[in-house]
Amino acid sequence: SGTHPFDWRFAVPFGADLEHITSQIQAVLRERT
């Protein structure tokens, strides 16, 4: 297929800002070339 799937999972504390956390993770992934 030319690609290898991955599915990584994290547990973040209850009450954390999920939108902010999601944006932080996506920013890290966008830096990957």
Full PDB file with SEQRES, HELIX, SHEET, SSBOND, CRYST1, ORIGX, SCALE, CONECT and MASTER records, all heavy atoms in Angstrom:
SEQRES   1 A   33  SER GLY THR HIS PRO PHE ASP TRP ARG PHE ALA VAL PRO          
SEQRES   2 A   33  PHE GLY ALA ASP LEU GLU HIS ILE THR SER GLN ILE GLN          
SEQRES   3 A   33  ALA VAL LEU ARG GLU ARG THR                                  
HELIX    1 AA1 LEU A   18  ARG A   30  1                                  13    
CRYST1    1.000    1.000    1.000  90.00  90.00  90.00 P 1           1          
ORIGX1      1.000000  0.000000  0.000000        0.00000                         
ORIGX2      0.000000  1.000000  0.000000        0.00000                         
ORIGX3      0.000000  0.000000  1.000000        0.00000                         
SCALE1      1.000000  0.000000  0.000000        0.00000                         
SCALE2      0.000000  1.000000  0.000000        0.00000                         
SCALE3      0.000000  0.000000  1.000000        0.00000                         
ATOM      1  N   SER A   1       0.817  -1.217   0.000  1.00  0.00           N  
ATOM      2  CA  SER A   1       0.000   0.000   0.000  1.00  0.00           C  
ATOM      3  C   SER A   1       0.848   1.265   0.000  1.00  0.00           C  
ATOM      4  O   SER A   1       0.361   2.340  -0.332  1.00  0.00           O  
ATOM      5  CB  SER A   1      -0.910   0.021   1.234  1.00  0.00           C  
ATOM      6  OG  SER A   1      -0.135   0.091   2.423  1.00  0.00           O  
ATOM      7  N   GLY A   2       2.103   1.151   0.390  1.00  0.00           N  
ATOM      8  CA  GLY A   2       2.976   2.311   0.432  1.00  0.00           C  
ATOM      9  C   GLY A   2       2.924   3.083   1.728  1.00  0.00           C  
ATOM     10  O   GLY A   2       3.663   4.049   1.911  1.00  0.00           O  
ATOM     11  N   THR A   3       2.060   2.667   2.658  1.00  0.00           N  
ATOM     12  CA  THR A   3       1.963   3.349   3.949  1.00  0.00           C  
ATOM     13  C   THR A   3       1.837   2.326   5.063  1.00  0.00           C  
ATOM     14  O   THR A   3       1.449   1.176   4.823  1.00  0.00           O  
ATOM     15  CB  THR A   3       0.743   4.284   4.003  1.00  0.00           C  
ATOM     16  OG1 THR A   3      -0.456   3.517   3.774  1.00  0.00           O  
ATOM     17  CG2 THR A   3       0.849   5.391   2.968  1.00  0.00           C  
ATOM     18  N   HIS A   4       2.150   2.770   6.276  1.00  0.00           N  
ATOM     19  CA  HIS A   4       2.052   1.909   7.447  1.00  0.00           C  
ATOM     20  C   HIS A   4       1.139   2.594   8.463  1.00  0.00           C  
ATOM     21  O   HIS A   4       1.391   3.735   8.858  1.00  0.00           O  
ATOM     22  CB  HIS A   4       3.437   1.683   8.056  1.00  0.00           C  
ATOM     23  CG  HIS A   4       3.469   0.549   9.029  1.00  0.00           C  
ATOM     24  ND1 HIS A   4       2.937   0.653  10.292  1.00  0.00           N  
ATOM     25  CD2 HIS A   4       3.954  -0.714   8.931  1.00  0.00           C  
ATOM     26  CE1 HIS A   4       3.105  -0.482  10.920  1.00  0.00           C  
ATOM     27  NE2 HIS A   4       3.715  -1.328  10.127  1.00  0.00           N  
ATOM     28  N   PRO A   5       0.043   1.926   8.881  1.00  0.00           N  
ATOM     29  CA  PRO A   5      -0.901   2.592   9.782  1.00  0.00           C  
ATOM     30  C   PRO A   5      -0.358   2.696  11.206  1.00  0.00           C  
ATOM     31  O   PRO A   5       0.453   1.892  11.636  1.00  0.00           O  
ATOM     32  CB  PRO A   5      -2.121   1.668   9.736  1.00  0.00           C  
ATOM     33  CG  PRO A   5      -1.535   0.312   9.490  1.00  0.00           C  
ATOM     34  CD  PRO A   5      -0.347   0.537   8.603  1.00  0.00           C  
ATOM     35  N   PHE A   6      -0.809   3.708  11.927  1.00  0.00           N  
ATOM     36  CA  PHE A   6      -0.505   3.799  13.350  1.00  0.00           C  
ATOM     37  C   PHE A   6      -1.725   4.355  14.082  1.00  0.00           C  
ATOM     38  O   PHE A   6      -2.548   5.074  13.506  1.00  0.00           O  
ATOM     39  CB  PHE A   6       0.734   4.667  13.614  1.00  0.00           C  
ATOM     40  CG  PHE A   6       0.629   6.085  13.112  1.00  0.00           C  
ATOM     41  CD1 PHE A   6      -0.061   7.058  13.841  1.00  0.00           C  
ATOM     42  CD2 PHE A   6       1.245   6.466  11.937  1.00  0.00           C  
ATOM     43  CE1 PHE A   6      -0.149   8.361  13.399  1.00  0.00           C  
ATOM     44  CE2 PHE A   6       1.163   7.780  11.477  1.00  0.00           C  
ATOM     45  CZ  PHE A   6       0.464   8.726  12.206  1.00  0.00           C  
ATOM     46  N   ASP A   7      -1.841   3.979  15.327  1.00  0.00           N  
ATOM     47  CA  ASP A   7      -2.945   4.424  16.175  1.00  0.00           C  
ATOM     48  C   ASP A   7      -2.410   4.535  17.604  1.00  0.00           C  
ATOM     49  O   ASP A   7      -2.348   3.536  18.325  1.00  0.00           O  
ATOM     50  CB  ASP A   7      -4.119   3.441  16.102  1.00  0.00           C  
ATOM     51  CG  ASP A   7      -5.328   3.935  16.878  1.00  0.00           C  
ATOM     52  OD1 ASP A   7      -5.390   5.151  17.157  1.00  0.00           O  
ATOM     53  OD2 ASP A   7      -6.210   3.115  17.215  1.00  0.00           O  
ATOM     54  N   TRP A   8      -2.007   5.750  17.991  1.00  0.00           N  
ATOM     55  CA  TRP A   8      -1.412   5.968  19.304  1.00  0.00           C  
ATOM     56  C   TRP A   8      -2.444   6.619  20.211  1.00  0.00           C  
ATOM     57  O   TRP A   8      -3.193   7.495  19.783  1.00  0.00           O  
ATOM     58  CB  TRP A   8      -0.171   6.855  19.204  1.00  0.00           C  
ATOM     59  CG  TRP A   8       0.833   6.326  18.225  1.00  0.00           C  
ATOM     60  CD1 TRP A   8       1.154   5.017  17.986  1.00  0.00           C  
ATOM     61  CD2 TRP A   8       1.623   7.091  17.322  1.00  0.00           C  
ATOM     62  NE1 TRP A   8       2.099   4.915  17.025  1.00  0.00           N  
ATOM     63  CE2 TRP A   8       2.412   6.173  16.589  1.00  0.00           C  
ATOM     64  CE3 TRP A   8       1.759   8.440  17.068  1.00  0.00           C  
ATOM     65  CZ2 TRP A   8       3.319   6.569  15.620  1.00  0.00           C  
ATOM     66  CZ3 TRP A   8       2.663   8.853  16.103  1.00  0.00           C  
ATOM     67  CH2 TRP A   8       3.433   7.919  15.387  1.00  0.00           C  
ATOM     68  N   ARG A   9      -2.454   6.222  21.469  1.00  0.00           N  
ATOM     69  CA  ARG A   9      -3.475   6.718  22.394  1.00  0.00           C  
ATOM     70  C   ARG A   9      -2.851   7.308  23.647  1.00  0.00           C  
ATOM     71  O   ARG A   9      -1.887   6.771  24.183  1.00  0.00           O  
ATOM     72  CB  ARG A   9      -4.459   5.596  22.743  1.00  0.00           C  
ATOM     73  CG  ARG A   9      -5.135   5.025  21.502  1.00  0.00           C  
ATOM     74  CD  ARG A   9      -6.334   4.169  21.799  1.00  0.00           C  
ATOM     75  NE  ARG A   9      -7.001   3.794  20.554  1.00  0.00           N  
ATOM     76  CZ  ARG A   9      -8.213   3.261  20.483  1.00  0.00           C  
ATOM     77  NH1 ARG A   9      -8.881   3.012  21.593  1.00  0.00           N  
ATOM     78  NH2 ARG A   9      -8.748   2.973  19.326  1.00  0.00           N  
ATOM     79  N   PHE A  10      -3.420   8.418  24.086  1.00  0.00           N  
ATOM     80  CA  PHE A  10      -2.978   9.121  25.278  1.00  0.00           C  
ATOM     81  C   PHE A  10      -4.158   9.249  26.242  1.00  0.00           C  
ATOM     82  O   PHE A  10      -5.317   9.253  25.815  1.00  0.00           O  
ATOM     83  CB  PHE A  10      -2.494  10.540  24.964  1.00  0.00           C  
ATOM     84  CG  PHE A  10      -1.592  10.640  23.776  1.00  0.00           C  
ATOM     85  CD1 PHE A  10      -2.104  10.759  22.496  1.00  0.00           C  
ATOM     86  CD2 PHE A  10      -0.234  10.633  23.946  1.00  0.00           C  
ATOM     87  CE1 PHE A  10      -1.270  10.864  21.400  1.00  0.00           C  
ATOM     88  CE2 PHE A  10       0.616  10.738  22.859  1.00  0.00           C  
ATOM     89  CZ  PHE A  10       0.097  10.854  21.583  1.00  0.00           C  
ATOM     90  N   ALA A  11      -3.833   9.374  27.490  1.00  0.00           N  
ATOM     91  CA  ALA A  11      -4.851   9.716  28.486  1.00  0.00           C  
ATOM     92  C   ALA A  11      -4.454  11.036  29.119  1.00  0.00           C  
ATOM     93  O   ALA A  11      -3.372  11.164  29.690  1.00  0.00           O  
ATOM     94  CB  ALA A  11      -4.972   8.628  29.551  1.00  0.00           C  
ATOM     95  N   VAL A  12      -5.308  12.040  28.979  1.00  0.00           N  
ATOM     96  CA  VAL A  12      -5.053  13.362  29.563  1.00  0.00           C  
ATOM     97  C   VAL A  12      -6.034  13.577  30.703  1.00  0.00           C  
ATOM     98  O   VAL A  12      -7.119  12.982  30.726  1.00  0.00           O  
ATOM     99  CB  VAL A  12      -5.194  14.463  28.503  1.00  0.00           C  
ATOM    100  CG1 VAL A  12      -4.165  14.265  27.401  1.00  0.00           C  
ATOM    101  CG2 VAL A  12      -6.594  14.474  27.911  1.00  0.00           C  
ATOM    102  N   PRO A  13      -5.690  14.409  31.676  1.00  0.00           N  
ATOM    103  CA  PRO A  13      -6.538  14.560  32.861  1.00  0.00           C  
ATOM    104  C   PRO A  13      -7.936  15.063  32.530  1.00  0.00           C  
ATOM    105  O   PRO A  13      -8.150  15.807  31.569  1.00  0.00           O  
ATOM    106  CB  PRO A  13      -5.769  15.586  33.706  1.00  0.00           C  
ATOM    107  CG  PRO A  13      -4.365  15.522  33.216  1.00  0.00           C  
ATOM    108  CD  PRO A  13      -4.448  15.192  31.768  1.00  0.00           C  
ATOM    109  N   PHE A  14      -8.907  14.632  33.328  1.00  0.00           N  
ATOM    110  CA  PHE A  14     -10.257  15.152  33.208  1.00  0.00           C  
ATOM    111  C   PHE A  14     -10.236  16.660  33.474  1.00  0.00           C  
ATOM    112  O   PHE A  14      -9.520  17.151  34.340  1.00  0.00           O  
ATOM    113  CB  PHE A  14     -11.193  14.469  34.217  1.00  0.00           C  
ATOM    114  CG  PHE A  14     -11.439  13.017  33.919  1.00  0.00           C  
ATOM    115  CD1 PHE A  14     -10.878  12.037  34.728  1.00  0.00           C  
ATOM    116  CD2 PHE A  14     -12.215  12.616  32.850  1.00  0.00           C  
ATOM    117  CE1 PHE A  14     -11.090  10.695  34.474  1.00  0.00           C  
ATOM    118  CE2 PHE A  14     -12.436  11.276  32.583  1.00  0.00           C  
ATOM    119  CZ  PHE A  14     -11.869  10.311  33.393  1.00  0.00           C  
ATOM    120  N   GLY A  15     -11.021  17.381  32.741  1.00  0.00           N  
ATOM    121  CA  GLY A  15     -11.090  18.824  32.920  1.00  0.00           C  
ATOM    122  C   GLY A  15     -10.074  19.579  32.099  1.00  0.00           C  
ATOM    123  O   GLY A  15     -10.061  20.820  32.126  1.00  0.00           O  
ATOM    124  N   ALA A  16      -9.199  18.878  31.380  1.00  0.00           N  
ATOM    125  CA  ALA A  16      -8.213  19.565  30.546  1.00  0.00           C  
ATOM    126  C   ALA A  16      -8.894  20.162  29.319  1.00  0.00           C  
ATOM    127  O   ALA A  16      -9.961  19.717  28.897  1.00  0.00           O  
ATOM    128  CB  ALA A  16      -7.115  18.593  30.126  1.00  0.00           C  
ATOM    129  N   ASP A  17      -8.282  21.161  28.750  1.00  0.00           N  
ATOM    130  CA  ASP A  17      -8.796  21.817  27.546  1.00  0.00           C  
ATOM    131  C   ASP A  17      -8.488  20.931  26.335  1.00  0.00           C  
ATOM    132  O   ASP A  17      -7.380  20.953  25.793  1.00  0.00           O  
ATOM    133  CB  ASP A  17      -8.149  23.194  27.385  1.00  0.00           C  
ATOM    134  CG  ASP A  17      -8.799  24.010  26.266  1.00  0.00           C  
ATOM    135  OD1 ASP A  17      -9.553  23.429  25.468  1.00  0.00           O  
ATOM    136  OD2 ASP A  17      -8.540  25.229  26.201  1.00  0.00           O  
ATOM    137  N   LEU A  18      -9.485  20.149  25.902  1.00  0.00           N  
ATOM    138  CA  LEU A  18      -9.257  19.182  24.836  1.00  0.00           C  
ATOM    139  C   LEU A  18      -8.953  19.861  23.501  1.00  0.00           C  
ATOM    140  O   LEU A  18      -8.142  19.363  22.718  1.00  0.00           O  
ATOM    141  CB  LEU A  18     -10.474  18.263  24.698  1.00  0.00           C  
ATOM    142  CG  LEU A  18     -10.777  17.356  25.897  1.00  0.00           C  
ATOM    143  CD1 LEU A  18     -11.993  16.489  25.619  1.00  0.00           C  
ATOM    144  CD2 LEU A  18      -9.573  16.489  26.236  1.00  0.00           C  
ATOM    145  N   GLU A  19      -9.597  20.984  23.245  1.00  0.00           N  
ATOM    146  CA  GLU A  19      -9.331  21.681  21.987  1.00  0.00           C  
ATOM    147  C   GLU A  19      -7.885  22.167  21.934  1.00  0.00           C  
ATOM    148  O   GLU A  19      -7.218  22.074  20.895  1.00  0.00           O  
ATOM    149  CB  GLU A  19     -10.301  22.858  21.821  1.00  0.00           C  
ATOM    150  CG  GLU A  19     -11.759  22.434  21.603  1.00  0.00           C  
ATOM    151  CD  GLU A  19     -12.642  23.631  21.317  1.00  0.00           C  
ATOM    152  OE1 GLU A  19     -12.106  24.770  21.256  1.00  0.00           O  
ATOM    153  OE2 GLU A  19     -13.854  23.440  21.141  1.00  0.00           O  
ATOM    154  N   HIS A  20      -7.408  22.682  23.046  1.00  0.00           N  
ATOM    155  CA  HIS A  20      -6.033  23.163  23.091  1.00  0.00           C  
ATOM    156  C   HIS A  20      -5.051  22.002  22.943  1.00  0.00           C  
ATOM    157  O   HIS A  20      -4.046  22.102  22.218  1.00  0.00           O  
ATOM    158  CB  HIS A  20      -5.784  23.905  24.407  1.00  0.00           C  
ATOM    159  CG  HIS A  20      -4.395  24.451  24.526  1.00  0.00           C  
ATOM    160  ND1 HIS A  20      -3.891  25.413  23.678  1.00  0.00           N  
ATOM    161  CD2 HIS A  20      -3.387  24.149  25.394  1.00  0.00           C  
ATOM    162  CE1 HIS A  20      -2.647  25.699  24.010  1.00  0.00           C  
ATOM    163  NE2 HIS A  20      -2.318  24.938  25.067  1.00  0.00           N  
ATOM    164  N   ILE A  21      -5.342  20.892  23.622  1.00  0.00           N  
ATOM    165  CA  ILE A  21      -4.476  19.720  23.528  1.00  0.00           C  
ATOM    166  C   ILE A  21      -4.454  19.188  22.099  1.00  0.00           C  
ATOM    167  O   ILE A  21      -3.389  18.854  21.556  1.00  0.00           O  
ATOM    168  CB  ILE A  21      -4.949  18.634  24.507  1.00  0.00           C  
ATOM    169  CG1 ILE A  21      -4.746  19.106  25.951  1.00  0.00           C  
ATOM    170  CG2 ILE A  21      -4.204  17.320  24.264  1.00  0.00           C  
ATOM    171  CD1 ILE A  21      -5.308  18.158  26.977  1.00  0.00           C  
ATOM    172  N   THR A  22      -5.633  19.131  21.480  1.00  0.00           N  
ATOM    173  CA  THR A  22      -5.715  18.633  20.103  1.00  0.00           C  
ATOM    174  C   THR A  22      -4.908  19.512  19.160  1.00  0.00           C  
ATOM    175  O   THR A  22      -4.189  19.021  18.274  1.00  0.00           O  
ATOM    176  CB  THR A  22      -7.180  18.574  19.645  1.00  0.00           C  
ATOM    177  OG1 THR A  22      -7.911  17.690  20.500  1.00  0.00           O  
ATOM    178  CG2 THR A  22      -7.279  18.082  18.210  1.00  0.00           C  
ATOM    179  N   SER A  23      -5.008  20.818  19.327  1.00  0.00           N  
ATOM    180  CA  SER A  23      -4.251  21.730  18.469  1.00  0.00           C  
ATOM    181  C   SER A  23      -2.749  21.575  18.680  1.00  0.00           C  
ATOM    182  O   SER A  23      -1.959  21.678  17.729  1.00  0.00           O  
ATOM    183  CB  SER A  23      -4.684  23.175  18.737  1.00  0.00           C  
ATOM    184  OG  SER A  23      -4.354  23.559  20.064  1.00  0.00           O  
ATOM    185  N   GLN A  24      -2.327  21.320  19.928  1.00  0.00           N  
ATOM    186  CA  GLN A  24      -0.908  21.107  20.205  1.00  0.00           C  
ATOM    187  C   GLN A  24      -0.398  19.848  19.505  1.00  0.00           C  
ATOM    188  O   GLN A  24       0.691  19.840  18.915  1.00  0.00           O  
ATOM    189  CB  GLN A  24      -0.685  20.992  21.721  1.00  0.00           C  
ATOM    190  CG  GLN A  24      -0.889  22.286  22.480  1.00  0.00           C  
ATOM    191  CD  GLN A  24       0.198  23.307  22.184  1.00  0.00           C  
ATOM    192  OE1 GLN A  24       1.346  22.946  21.979  1.00  0.00           O  
ATOM    193  NE2 GLN A  24      -0.171  24.573  22.152  1.00  0.00           N  
ATOM    194  N   ILE A  25      -1.179  18.764  19.566  1.00  0.00           N  
ATOM    195  CA  ILE A  25      -0.774  17.509  18.910  1.00  0.00           C  
ATOM    196  C   ILE A  25      -0.718  17.687  17.401  1.00  0.00           C  
ATOM    197  O   ILE A  25       0.230  17.244  16.727  1.00  0.00           O  
ATOM    198  CB  ILE A  25      -1.741  16.374  19.287  1.00  0.00           C  
ATOM    199  CG1 ILE A  25      -1.653  16.096  20.799  1.00  0.00           C  
ATOM    200  CG2 ILE A  25      -1.425  15.111  18.497  1.00  0.00           C  
ATOM    201  CD1 ILE A  25      -2.658  15.063  21.273  1.00  0.00           C  
ATOM    202  N   GLN A  26      -1.734  18.353  16.842  1.00  0.00           N  
ATOM    203  CA  GLN A  26      -1.745  18.566  15.393  1.00  0.00           C  
ATOM    204  C   GLN A  26      -0.582  19.442  14.949  1.00  0.00           C  
ATOM    205  O   GLN A  26      -0.033  19.254  13.859  1.00  0.00           O  
ATOM    206  CB  GLN A  26      -3.076  19.188  14.980  1.00  0.00           C  
ATOM    207  CG  GLN A  26      -4.255  18.230  15.089  1.00  0.00           C  
ATOM    208  CD  GLN A  26      -5.578  18.895  14.787  1.00  0.00           C  
ATOM    209  OE1 GLN A  26      -5.709  20.110  14.888  1.00  0.00           O  
ATOM    210  NE2 GLN A  26      -6.579  18.084  14.441  1.00  0.00           N  
ATOM    211  N   ALA A  27      -0.189  20.397  15.783  1.00  0.00           N  
ATOM    212  CA  ALA A  27       0.961  21.239  15.440  1.00  0.00           C  
ATOM    213  C   ALA A  27       2.240  20.414  15.367  1.00  0.00           C  
ATOM    214  O   ALA A  27       3.086  20.620  14.488  1.00  0.00           O  
ATOM    215  CB  ALA A  27       1.103  22.366  16.468  1.00  0.00           C  
ATOM    216  N   VAL A  28       2.382  19.476  16.309  1.00  0.00           N  
ATOM    217  CA  VAL A  28       3.546  18.583  16.276  1.00  0.00           C  
ATOM    218  C   VAL A  28       3.542  17.734  15.015  1.00  0.00           C  
ATOM    219  O   VAL A  28       4.581  17.550  14.354  1.00  0.00           O  
ATOM    220  CB  VAL A  28       3.569  17.697  17.531  1.00  0.00           C  
ATOM    221  CG1 VAL A  28       4.642  16.617  17.400  1.00  0.00           C  
ATOM    222  CG2 VAL A  28       3.824  18.535  18.771  1.00  0.00           C  
ATOM    223  N   LEU A  29       2.373  17.210  14.657  1.00  0.00           N  
ATOM    224  CA  LEU A  29       2.283  16.340  13.482  1.00  0.00           C  
ATOM    225  C   LEU A  29       2.539  17.117  12.193  1.00  0.00           C  
ATOM    226  O   LEU A  29       3.124  16.575  11.250  1.00  0.00           O  
ATOM    227  CB  LEU A  29       0.913  15.672  13.437  1.00  0.00           C  
ATOM    228  CG  LEU A  29       0.606  14.703  14.586  1.00  0.00           C  
ATOM    229  CD1 LEU A  29      -0.837  14.215  14.508  1.00  0.00           C  
ATOM    230  CD2 LEU A  29       1.554  13.519  14.570  1.00  0.00           C  
ATOM    231  N   ARG A  30       2.122  18.396  12.156  1.00  0.00           N  
ATOM    232  CA  ARG A  30       2.336  19.192  10.943  1.00  0.00           C  
ATOM    233  C   ARG A  30       3.816  19.471  10.708  1.00  0.00           C  
ATOM    234  O   ARG A  30       4.238  19.722   9.582  1.00  0.00           O  
ATOM    235  CB  ARG A  30       1.553  20.501  11.030  1.00  0.00           C  
ATOM    236  CG  ARG A  30       0.068  20.357  10.741  1.00  0.00           C  
ATOM    237  CD  ARG A  30      -0.557  21.724  10.493  1.00  0.00           C  
ATOM    238  NE  ARG A  30      -0.482  22.578  11.683  1.00  0.00           N  
ATOM    239  CZ  ARG A  30      -1.437  22.643  12.613  1.00  0.00           C  
ATOM    240  NH1 ARG A  30      -2.530  21.897  12.473  1.00  0.00           N  
ATOM    241  NH2 ARG A  30      -1.294  23.440  13.651  1.00  0.00           N  
ATOM    242  N   GLU A  31       4.607  19.430  11.770  1.00  0.00           N  
ATOM    243  CA  GLU A  31       6.036  19.671  11.627  1.00  0.00           C  
ATOM    244  C   GLU A  31       6.773  18.479  11.022  1.00  0.00           C  
ATOM    245  O   GLU A  31       7.921  18.619  10.605  1.00  0.00           O  
ATOM    246  CB  GLU A  31       6.644  20.010  12.991  1.00  0.00           C  
ATOM    247  CG  GLU A  31       6.147  21.326  13.575  1.00  0.00           C  
ATOM    248  CD  GLU A  31       6.707  21.566  14.962  1.00  0.00           C  
ATOM    249  OE1 GLU A  31       7.431  20.676  15.473  1.00  0.00           O  
ATOM    250  OE2 GLU A  31       6.431  22.636  15.542  1.00  0.00           O  
ATOM    251  N   ARG A  32       6.114  17.334  11.001  1.00  0.00           N  
ATOM    252  CA  ARG A  32       6.750  16.138  10.442  1.00  0.00           C  
ATOM    253  C   ARG A  32       6.702  16.205   8.922  1.00  0.00           C  
ATOM    254  O   ARG A  32       5.644  16.299   8.312  1.00  0.00           O  
ATOM    255  CB  ARG A  32       6.047  14.867  10.914  1.00  0.00           C  
ATOM    256  CG  ARG A  32       6.007  14.674  12.414  1.00  0.00           C  
ATOM    257  CD  ARG A  32       7.360  14.354  12.989  1.00  0.00           C  
ATOM    258  NE  ARG A  32       8.011  13.224  12.368  1.00  0.00           N  
ATOM    259  CZ  ARG A  32       9.067  12.602  12.878  1.00  0.00           C  
ATOM    260  NH1 ARG A  32       9.562  13.005  14.033  1.00  0.00           N  
ATOM    261  NH2 ARG A  32       9.623  11.598  12.258  1.00  0.00           N  
ATOM    262  N   THR A  33       7.867  16.142   8.284  1.00  0.00           N  
ATOM    263  CA  THR A  33       7.922  16.166   6.821  1.00  0.00           C  
ATOM    264  C   THR A  33       7.832  14.772   6.215  1.00  0.00           C  
ATOM    265  O   THR A  33       7.735  14.638   4.991  1.00  0.00           O  
ATOM    266  CB  THR A  33       9.238  16.823   6.359  1.00  0.00           C  
ATOM    267  OG1 THR A  33      10.345  16.075   6.883  1.00  0.00           O  
ATOM    268  CG2 THR A  33       9.317  18.259   6.845  1.00  0.00           C  
TER     269      THR A  33                                                      
MASTER        0    0    0    1    0    0    0    6  268    1    0    3          
END                                                                             
